Structures are given as structure tokens and as C-alpha cells.
Amino acid sequence: MADATQKPVDKLTFEEALAELEVIVRQLEAGEVELEKSIAIYERGAALKAHCESRLKSAELKVEQIVQGANGPTTEPASFD
């Protein structure tokens, strides 16, 4: 699945990477992909997963930096519960 039209993983937005990862998961779950292609798309999927996790962590850190308190801007851990 490493064709020349694919963007490098590090150039993808979170949404692009997540959408591509979802396609890969569906392909692998369907079990209709040849072994060699399965390995290639699994590797890309692992890279996409790491990229998405990194982008989420970065977003979380930015949210922590912009939390506003009663006495002005403060830094607090983000809570996504």
C-alpha cells in the first residue's frame, strides 16, 4: 500500500491519518488482502496510529496551556472525562 500517491505520514493531519487508519483496519479485518500487502498496510497502520497519538498528545498539551482560571490564565491538566 505504499504507492507514490500517498502522503508521508508526518505530513498528514490528524483527520487524514485517522481516516486512512480506519480504511486499513477495515481491509485487515475483512481478511481479503494478500499476505505481502497485509504486512505493508499493517506497517503503515502502525505509523498512522503513532502519528495520531502524537497529534492528540500535542493537542492535549496545548489545551493545558490555555486553561483560563478565575485569576487569569493558569496551567492545569486537561480533563477529558
Protein backbone atom coordinates (compact mmCIF):
# COMPACT_ATOMS: atom_id res chain seq x y z
CA MET A 1 0.00 0.00 0.00
CA ALA A 2 3.00 2.23 -0.21
CA ASP A 3 2.09 3.80 -3.50
CA ALA A 4 3.60 7.02 -4.80
CA THR A 5 0.38 9.00 -4.30
CA GLN A 6 0.36 8.55 -0.52
CA LYS A 7 1.46 11.46 1.60
CA PRO A 8 4.19 10.75 4.12
CA VAL A 9 2.59 10.01 7.50
CA ASP A 10 4.21 13.02 9.16
CA LYS A 11 2.58 15.34 6.60
CA LEU A 12 -0.98 14.13 7.33
CA THR A 13 -3.43 15.99 9.50
CA PHE A 14 -4.94 14.06 12.39
CA GLU A 15 -8.19 13.65 10.47
CA GLU A 16 -6.45 12.39 7.32
CA ALA A 17 -4.37 9.91 9.30
CA LEU A 18 -7.37 8.64 11.25
CA ALA A 19 -9.44 8.18 8.07
CA GLU A 20 -6.64 6.24 6.40
CA LEU A 21 -6.15 4.14 9.53
CA GLU A 22 -9.86 3.27 9.54
CA VAL A 23 -9.61 2.09 5.91
CA ILE A 24 -6.61 -0.08 6.78
CA VAL A 25 -8.41 -1.63 9.75
CA ARG A 26 -11.42 -2.49 7.58
CA GLN A 27 -9.15 -4.06 4.94
CA LEU A 28 -7.31 -6.17 7.51
CA GLU A 29 -10.49 -7.21 9.29
CA ALA A 30 -12.05 -8.31 6.00
CA GLY A 31 -9.12 -10.69 5.52
CA GLU A 32 -9.23 -10.33 1.77
CA VAL A 33 -5.79 -8.76 1.36
CA GLU A 34 -2.77 -10.73 0.16
CA LEU A 35 -0.17 -11.50 2.81
CA GLU A 36 2.53 -9.16 1.46
CA LYS A 37 0.06 -6.29 1.11
CA SER A 38 -1.29 -7.04 4.60
CA ILE A 39 2.19 -6.64 6.04
CA ALA A 40 2.76 -3.38 4.18
CA ILE A 41 -0.56 -1.85 5.20
CA TYR A 42 -0.13 -3.07 8.78
CA GLU A 43 3.21 -1.23 8.94
CA ARG A 44 1.61 1.94 7.58
CA GLY A 45 -1.24 1.50 10.05
CA ALA A 46 1.21 1.30 12.94
CA ALA A 47 2.86 4.52 11.75
CA LEU A 48 -0.54 6.21 11.38
CA LYS A 49 -1.53 5.12 14.90
CA ALA A 50 1.66 6.57 16.36
CA HIS A 51 1.13 9.79 14.41
CA CYS A 52 -2.45 10.13 15.69
CA GLU A 53 -1.35 9.51 19.28
CA SER A 54 1.37 12.14 18.91
CA ARG A 55 -1.06 14.70 17.48
CA LEU A 56 -3.54 14.02 20.30
CA LYS A 57 -0.82 14.43 22.94
CA SER A 58 0.23 17.71 21.34
CA ALA A 59 -3.36 18.96 21.36
CA GLU A 60 -3.76 17.93 25.00
CA LEU A 61 -0.65 19.90 25.96
CA LYS A 62 -1.95 22.98 24.13
CA VAL A 63 -5.28 22.72 25.97
CA GLU A 64 -3.43 22.53 29.28
CA GLN A 65 -1.56 25.72 28.40
CA ILE A 66 -4.69 27.76 27.60
CA VAL A 67 -6.92 26.88 30.54
CA GLN A 68 -8.30 30.09 32.00
CA GLY A 69 -8.68 30.42 35.77
CA ALA A 70 -10.60 32.96 37.90
CA ASN A 71 -7.36 34.91 38.40
CA GLY A 72 -6.30 34.84 34.75
CA PRO A 73 -4.58 32.23 32.66
CA THR A 74 -3.33 29.21 34.53
CA THR A 75 -1.83 25.91 33.54
CA GLU A 76 -3.87 22.94 34.64
CA PRO A 77 -4.02 19.38 33.46
CA ALA A 78 -6.68 18.85 30.83
CA SER A 79 -9.55 16.61 31.83
CA PHE A 80 -11.33 14.70 29.08
CA ASP A 81 -13.60 12.70 31.36
